[in-house]
Amino acid sequence: MGVNVADYLGPPKILGRDDKLALDSIRVNEADPHLKIIDQQACRKCEQKPCTVTCPVDNYHSEADGHTTIYWDSCIECGTCRVICPYQNISWKYPAGGFGVSYRYG
């Protein structure tokens, strides 16, 4: 009776969202961030702040004074923030020159 290697490997592991994100690498351009808030006054008057709940990697945070802070160093470049902002107040561009996210797992 032959040995079946598949019997030793077990079932394939299905990776969840956080497992897949952990495999990505992000090269940040500190001198030229690809995400910017255009006008903080618009953020202060925005009551729902959809950017803070729709970003898949939780890059947007609302401060007590209504100011919105972006943590762009973990951005996966999905573009959700610029689409969801009711004030069109987010400047978003693809990082240039080899910066940005590199997906390691499809």
N, C-alpha and C. Protein backbone atom coordinates (compact mmCIF):
# COMPACT_ATOMS: atom_id res chain seq x y z
N MET A 1 0.84 -1.17 0.00
CA MET A 1 0.00 0.00 0.00
C MET A 1 0.89 1.24 0.00
N GLY A 2 0.66 2.13 -0.99
CA GLY A 2 1.48 3.33 -1.13
C GLY A 2 1.08 4.44 -0.17
N VAL A 3 2.02 5.33 0.06
CA VAL A 3 1.78 6.47 0.94
C VAL A 3 1.22 7.62 0.10
N ASN A 4 0.13 8.20 0.55
CA ASN A 4 -0.48 9.33 -0.13
C ASN A 4 -0.11 10.60 0.65
N VAL A 5 0.67 11.47 0.02
CA VAL A 5 1.14 12.69 0.68
C VAL A 5 -0.03 13.56 1.14
N ALA A 6 -1.12 13.57 0.38
CA ALA A 6 -2.29 14.39 0.73
C ALA A 6 -2.86 14.00 2.09
N ASP A 7 -2.71 12.74 2.48
CA ASP A 7 -3.20 12.31 3.78
C ASP A 7 -2.47 13.00 4.92
N TYR A 8 -1.24 13.42 4.71
CA TYR A 8 -0.44 14.05 5.74
C TYR A 8 -0.61 15.57 5.77
N LEU A 9 -1.01 16.12 4.67
CA LEU A 9 -1.14 17.58 4.60
C LEU A 9 -2.43 18.09 5.22
N GLY A 10 -3.47 17.32 5.19
CA GLY A 10 -4.75 17.75 5.73
C GLY A 10 -5.47 18.64 4.73
N PRO A 11 -6.62 19.12 5.13
CA PRO A 11 -7.40 19.97 4.22
C PRO A 11 -6.70 21.31 4.02
N PRO A 12 -6.91 21.93 2.87
CA PRO A 12 -6.28 23.22 2.63
C PRO A 12 -6.83 24.27 3.58
N LYS A 13 -5.99 25.17 4.01
CA LYS A 13 -6.42 26.24 4.90
C LYS A 13 -6.99 27.36 4.06
N ILE A 14 -8.17 27.79 4.40
CA ILE A 14 -8.78 28.92 3.71
C ILE A 14 -8.41 30.17 4.50
N LEU A 15 -7.70 31.07 3.84
CA LEU A 15 -7.25 32.28 4.51
C LEU A 15 -8.36 33.31 4.59
N GLY A 16 -8.50 33.91 5.75
CA GLY A 16 -9.46 34.99 5.94
C GLY A 16 -8.86 36.32 5.50
N ARG A 17 -9.65 37.36 5.59
CA ARG A 17 -9.22 38.70 5.16
C ARG A 17 -7.95 39.13 5.89
N ASP A 18 -7.91 39.01 7.21
CA ASP A 18 -6.75 39.46 7.97
C ASP A 18 -5.51 38.64 7.66
N ASP A 19 -5.69 37.34 7.41
CA ASP A 19 -4.56 36.49 7.04
C ASP A 19 -3.96 36.94 5.71
N LYS A 20 -4.83 37.25 4.75
CA LYS A 20 -4.36 37.70 3.43
C LYS A 20 -3.69 39.06 3.52
N LEU A 21 -4.26 39.98 4.30
CA LEU A 21 -3.66 41.31 4.44
C LEU A 21 -2.28 41.24 5.09
N ALA A 22 -2.09 40.28 5.98
CA ALA A 22 -0.80 40.14 6.65
C ALA A 22 0.30 39.71 5.69
N LEU A 23 -0.08 39.13 4.55
CA LEU A 23 0.90 38.69 3.56
C LEU A 23 1.34 39.81 2.61
N ASP A 24 0.61 40.93 2.61
CA ASP A 24 0.94 42.04 1.73
C ASP A 24 2.11 42.83 2.28
N SER A 25 2.83 43.47 1.40
CA SER A 25 3.86 44.39 1.86
C SER A 25 3.53 45.76 1.29
N ILE A 26 3.77 46.78 2.10
CA ILE A 26 3.46 48.15 1.70
C ILE A 26 4.70 49.00 1.85
N ARG A 27 5.07 49.65 0.77
CA ARG A 27 6.23 50.54 0.77
C ARG A 27 5.70 51.97 0.75
N VAL A 28 5.92 52.70 1.82
CA VAL A 28 5.33 54.02 2.02
C VAL A 28 6.28 55.12 1.58
N ASN A 29 5.75 56.10 0.85
CA ASN A 29 6.50 57.29 0.48
C ASN A 29 6.15 58.39 1.47
N GLU A 30 6.94 58.53 2.50
CA GLU A 30 6.69 59.52 3.55
C GLU A 30 6.67 60.95 3.01
N ALA A 31 7.45 61.22 1.98
CA ALA A 31 7.55 62.58 1.43
C ALA A 31 6.33 62.97 0.60
N ASP A 32 5.61 61.99 0.05
CA ASP A 32 4.47 62.28 -0.81
C ASP A 32 3.35 61.26 -0.58
N PRO A 33 2.59 61.42 0.51
CA PRO A 33 1.51 60.46 0.78
C PRO A 33 0.47 60.49 -0.34
N HIS A 34 -0.05 59.34 -0.68
CA HIS A 34 -1.01 59.26 -1.78
C HIS A 34 -2.44 59.55 -1.35
N LEU A 35 -2.67 59.71 -0.05
CA LEU A 35 -3.98 60.08 0.49
C LEU A 35 -3.86 61.38 1.25
N LYS A 36 -4.80 62.29 1.02
CA LYS A 36 -4.81 63.55 1.77
C LYS A 36 -6.24 64.02 1.95
N ILE A 37 -6.49 64.62 3.10
CA ILE A 37 -7.75 65.31 3.32
C ILE A 37 -7.59 66.69 2.68
N ILE A 38 -8.52 67.06 1.82
CA ILE A 38 -8.41 68.34 1.12
C ILE A 38 -8.72 69.50 2.07
N ASP A 39 -9.81 69.38 2.85
CA ASP A 39 -10.23 70.47 3.74
C ASP A 39 -10.80 69.87 5.02
N GLN A 40 -10.11 70.08 6.13
CA GLN A 40 -10.56 69.53 7.41
C GLN A 40 -11.90 70.13 7.85
N GLN A 41 -12.23 71.32 7.38
CA GLN A 41 -13.53 71.91 7.72
C GLN A 41 -14.68 71.05 7.19
N ALA A 42 -14.49 70.48 6.01
CA ALA A 42 -15.51 69.59 5.45
C ALA A 42 -15.66 68.35 6.33
N CYS A 43 -14.56 67.84 6.85
CA CYS A 43 -14.62 66.68 7.75
C CYS A 43 -15.35 67.03 9.05
N ARG A 44 -15.12 68.23 9.54
CA ARG A 44 -15.76 68.64 10.79
C ARG A 44 -17.27 68.74 10.64
N LYS A 45 -17.75 69.14 9.47
CA LYS A 45 -19.20 69.25 9.30
C LYS A 45 -19.84 67.93 8.83
N CYS A 46 -19.04 66.96 8.48
CA CYS A 46 -19.56 65.65 8.07
C CYS A 46 -19.97 64.88 9.32
N GLU A 47 -21.26 64.58 9.43
CA GLU A 47 -21.76 63.91 10.62
C GLU A 47 -21.57 62.40 10.58
N GLN A 48 -21.78 61.79 9.43
CA GLN A 48 -21.72 60.32 9.36
C GLN A 48 -20.30 59.78 9.26
N LYS A 49 -19.40 60.53 8.68
CA LYS A 49 -18.00 60.12 8.51
C LYS A 49 -17.89 58.69 7.95
N PRO A 50 -18.42 58.45 6.75
CA PRO A 50 -18.42 57.09 6.19
C PRO A 50 -17.02 56.53 5.95
N CYS A 51 -16.03 57.39 5.79
CA CYS A 51 -14.66 56.89 5.58
C CYS A 51 -14.16 56.10 6.78
N THR A 52 -14.65 56.44 7.97
CA THR A 52 -14.17 55.78 9.18
C THR A 52 -14.76 54.39 9.37
N VAL A 53 -15.81 54.06 8.63
CA VAL A 53 -16.42 52.73 8.79
C VAL A 53 -16.32 51.87 7.54
N THR A 54 -15.95 52.46 6.41
CA THR A 54 -15.90 51.67 5.17
C THR A 54 -14.50 51.26 4.75
N CYS A 55 -13.49 51.91 5.27
CA CYS A 55 -12.11 51.54 4.91
C CYS A 55 -11.84 50.11 5.41
N PRO A 56 -11.48 49.20 4.51
CA PRO A 56 -11.29 47.81 4.93
C PRO A 56 -10.11 47.58 5.88
N VAL A 57 -9.18 48.53 5.94
CA VAL A 57 -8.04 48.36 6.84
C VAL A 57 -8.05 49.41 7.95
N ASP A 58 -9.19 50.10 8.13
CA ASP A 58 -9.40 51.01 9.27
C ASP A 58 -8.37 52.14 9.31
N ASN A 59 -8.14 52.79 8.16
CA ASN A 59 -7.14 53.86 8.07
C ASN A 59 -7.66 55.23 8.48
N TYR A 60 -8.95 55.40 8.65
CA TYR A 60 -9.52 56.70 8.97
C TYR A 60 -10.09 56.70 10.38
N HIS A 61 -9.75 57.77 11.14
CA HIS A 61 -10.24 57.89 12.51
C HIS A 61 -10.73 59.30 12.74
N SER A 62 -11.88 59.41 13.40
CA SER A 62 -12.45 60.70 13.73
C SER A 62 -12.00 61.09 15.13
N GLU A 63 -11.43 62.28 15.23
CA GLU A 63 -10.97 62.78 16.52
C GLU A 63 -12.12 63.49 17.24
N ALA A 64 -11.95 63.79 18.50
CA ALA A 64 -13.01 64.41 19.31
C ALA A 64 -13.44 65.77 18.75
N ASP A 65 -12.52 66.49 18.13
CA ASP A 65 -12.85 67.82 17.59
C ASP A 65 -13.45 67.77 16.18
N GLY A 66 -13.69 66.54 15.65
CA GLY A 66 -14.24 66.39 14.30
C GLY A 66 -13.19 66.24 13.23
N HIS A 67 -11.95 66.48 13.57
CA HIS A 67 -10.81 66.31 12.66
C HIS A 67 -10.71 64.83 12.26
N THR A 68 -10.41 64.56 11.00
CA THR A 68 -10.24 63.19 10.55
C THR A 68 -8.75 62.93 10.32
N THR A 69 -8.26 61.86 10.89
CA THR A 69 -6.86 61.48 10.75
C THR A 69 -6.76 60.29 9.82
N ILE A 70 -5.81 60.35 8.88
CA ILE A 70 -5.56 59.24 7.96
C ILE A 70 -4.27 58.54 8.36
N TYR A 71 -4.33 57.23 8.46
CA TYR A 71 -3.13 56.42 8.67
C TYR A 71 -2.86 55.71 7.34
N TRP A 72 -2.30 56.43 6.40
CA TRP A 72 -2.15 55.95 5.03
C TRP A 72 -1.05 54.93 4.86
N ASP A 73 -0.29 54.66 5.90
CA ASP A 73 0.83 53.73 5.76
C ASP A 73 0.40 52.27 5.66
N SER A 74 -0.89 51.98 5.82
CA SER A 74 -1.35 50.60 5.63
C SER A 74 -2.44 50.51 4.57
N CYS A 75 -2.52 51.53 3.72
CA CYS A 75 -3.55 51.59 2.68
C CYS A 75 -3.35 50.48 1.65
N ILE A 76 -4.45 49.82 1.29
CA ILE A 76 -4.38 48.76 0.27
C ILE A 76 -4.85 49.25 -1.10
N GLU A 77 -5.03 50.56 -1.24
CA GLU A 77 -5.33 51.21 -2.52
C GLU A 77 -6.62 50.74 -3.17
N CYS A 78 -7.65 50.53 -2.37
CA CYS A 78 -8.93 50.08 -2.93
C CYS A 78 -9.75 51.24 -3.47
N GLY A 79 -9.52 52.46 -2.96
CA GLY A 79 -10.23 53.64 -3.44
C GLY A 79 -11.59 53.86 -2.81
N THR A 80 -11.98 53.04 -1.86
CA THR A 80 -13.29 53.18 -1.23
C THR A 80 -13.47 54.56 -0.60
N CYS A 81 -12.45 55.07 0.03
CA CYS A 81 -12.55 56.35 0.73
C CYS A 81 -12.95 57.50 -0.20
N ARG A 82 -12.34 57.57 -1.35
CA ARG A 82 -12.66 58.69 -2.26
C ARG A 82 -14.05 58.55 -2.86
N VAL A 83 -14.53 57.33 -3.00
CA VAL A 83 -15.87 57.11 -3.56
C VAL A 83 -16.95 57.40 -2.51
N ILE A 84 -16.71 57.04 -1.26
CA ILE A 84 -17.72 57.12 -0.21
C ILE A 84 -17.82 58.51 0.42
N CYS A 85 -16.82 59.35 0.28
CA CYS A 85 -16.82 60.67 0.92
C CYS A 85 -17.91 61.56 0.29
N PRO A 86 -18.91 61.98 1.10
CA PRO A 86 -20.00 62.79 0.56
C PRO A 86 -19.55 64.18 0.12
N TYR A 87 -18.41 64.65 0.58
CA TYR A 87 -17.90 65.98 0.23
C TYR A 87 -16.80 65.93 -0.83
N GLN A 88 -16.50 64.75 -1.33
CA GLN A 88 -15.39 64.56 -2.29
C GLN A 88 -14.15 65.28 -1.76
N ASN A 89 -13.85 64.98 -0.51
CA ASN A 89 -12.82 65.71 0.23
C ASN A 89 -11.53 64.91 0.41
N ILE A 90 -11.39 63.81 -0.28
CA ILE A 90 -10.19 63.00 -0.15
C ILE A 90 -9.44 62.99 -1.47
N SER A 91 -8.22 63.45 -1.43
CA SER A 91 -7.35 63.39 -2.60
C SER A 91 -6.67 62.03 -2.57
N TRP A 92 -6.84 61.25 -3.62
CA TRP A 92 -6.34 59.88 -3.67
C TRP A 92 -5.67 59.66 -5.01
N LYS A 93 -4.47 59.13 -4.99
CA LYS A 93 -3.76 58.80 -6.23
C LYS A 93 -2.96 57.52 -5.99
N TYR A 94 -2.67 56.83 -7.07
CA TYR A 94 -1.81 55.66 -6.93
C TYR A 94 -0.41 56.10 -6.56
N PRO A 95 0.22 55.43 -5.61
CA PRO A 95 1.60 55.77 -5.27
C PRO A 95 2.52 55.53 -6.47
N ALA A 96 3.44 56.43 -6.69
CA ALA A 96 4.34 56.35 -7.85
C ALA A 96 5.70 55.78 -7.44
N GLY A 97 6.46 55.39 -8.43
CA GLY A 97 7.85 55.02 -8.23
C GLY A 97 8.11 53.80 -7.39
N GLY A 98 7.26 52.79 -7.50
CA GLY A 98 7.49 51.55 -6.75
C GLY A 98 6.95 51.57 -5.33
N PHE A 99 6.30 52.66 -4.94
CA PHE A 99 5.69 52.72 -3.62
C PHE A 99 4.30 52.12 -3.68
N GLY A 100 3.74 51.81 -2.53
CA GLY A 100 2.38 51.29 -2.45
C GLY A 100 2.35 49.84 -2.02
N VAL A 101 1.21 49.21 -2.26
CA VAL A 101 0.98 47.85 -1.80
C VAL A 101 1.47 46.84 -2.84
N SER A 102 2.03 45.75 -2.35
CA SER A 102 2.38 44.59 -3.19
C SER A 102 1.64 43.40 -2.63
N TYR A 103 0.72 42.87 -3.42
CA TYR A 103 -0.07 41.73 -2.97
C TYR A 103 0.71 40.45 -3.18
N ARG A 104 0.81 39.66 -2.14
CA ARG A 104 1.54 38.39 -2.24
C ARG A 104 0.61 37.21 -2.42
N TYR A 105 -0.68 37.44 -2.18
CA TYR A 105 -1.63 36.33 -2.27
C TYR A 105 -2.87 36.86 -2.97
N GLY A 106 -3.07 36.45 -4.21
CA GLY A 106 -4.16 36.85 -5.07
C GLY A 106 -5.27 37.51 -4.47
